Amino acid sequence: MTPPGMLEGLRVLDLSRIIAGPCCAMLLGDLGADVVKLERPGRGDDLRGLRGASGMSAIFAAVNRNKRGIAVDLRRPEGARLAFELARGADVVIENFIPGGADELGIGYNAVRAVNPSVVYASISGFGTSGPYARRPGYNSIAMGMSGAMAITGMPGHPPTRPGGSIADLAASFLAFGAVNAALVRRFRTGEGQHLDVNLLAAMLAMLPDPVANYFDSGVRPGREGNRNPYLTPAEAFRTADGYLTVVITGPEQWGRFCEGLGDSELVSHPKFATNPDRLAHHADFKARVEARLATAPTADWVKRFESVSVAAGPIYEFDEVFADAARARPRRRAASRGPAPLLGEHTREVLRELGLPDAETTGPAEAGAVQLRSDG
């Protein structure tokens, strides 16, 4: 029997779309919260049709599990009223309208707080709810560009490079998830709700504490260093006989073990490489010597050799190789999934019944175009 989730009994109204807000709501659902995702009729969340999918793209399914789905047209007064009634009974509301958009619909924080003072209300936007950029649309790539993440990503001499994945979206999602749970703890102690203002740009900057700290400490603008740490070596990617390997040492006591694993005993006390400053000063020569040795065996062998001397090392996989590795067993351990991502409007009838609307009244908003009901919903 599956044990109850840590957030079981809490109701979350998910008014968000794309990745940051929906992923935050999904994480709350993973912990047992009852998450109701509201989408526009007909088209739904923009991610539904990504890459030509017919209503259920892979990425939409990946960030919307453990939710019930309803389709409500917020542009119609009856639809906005239904959303407001759902917010009235919610413990958590998550929205990512352009700042001011929820207020214009009558479902902003102040309106909801007036009838639900204990609500935890999370607004997730590109640049925050105030300031000169507040009304700008913000997306993952824009936040990565404006945060400086792209400026420090890529090979030396190459243009700024977008890191793979939706890092800014997920940074905001995880930040909002933690803040929501902290606000819920405060609510349980005091009975007071909270308005949380989370934005992609600030969340992305929070992912860069070391380059930010180093920049303000030195005043030197960081450049693109490729696959190496500019302050420490070996702490980078090296080519092997059949691929690439990342090796990291973090202190002088690990240097001898690295040389032992590499099988190059003369390297330990070599005058050009004996200390980290030496290796940084002669980095090109150091890397060439290491890679000449690594070229004699495949990556898997080197991982075992470094592991045997307690030096951190790992292969650099092509993406399809990630899921064939034995290490996948640990990432697969997660909260039990109670259900897949909902079809558009799948639970509209069910959720509106919970608002006390019998079928005769439920079909009224549907006929007026305010909601979309599925025949199997």
Foldseek 3Di string as FASTA:
>chain_A
DADAFPLAPAEEEQAEADAQRLQLLVVSLLRHYAYEYEAAPPCGHVVLCPPNHDQHDPVLQVRFFNYHYWHFHLVDLVRLVVSLLSLLPHQEYEYADQQPPCVVSQNDDVSSCVNRQNHAYEYEAAPWNDDDCSRPHHAQQRLCVVLCVQQQADAPPDHRDDDDDSVLSHLQNVVVNVVSVVQVVVCVVPVGYDYHITHSNVSVNVVPVVQVVVCVVPVDHHGHHYFPDLQFPPQGWAAAQPAIKGWDDDDLVCLCLVCVLLVNNVQCVPPQRPDGVSCSVVVVVVRVVSNVSRHVDDPVSSCVSSVVSPTDMDGDDDVVVVVVDPVVVVVVDGRDGPGTRDGHRQCNQVVVVVSVQPPVRSVVCVVVSRTDHDPND
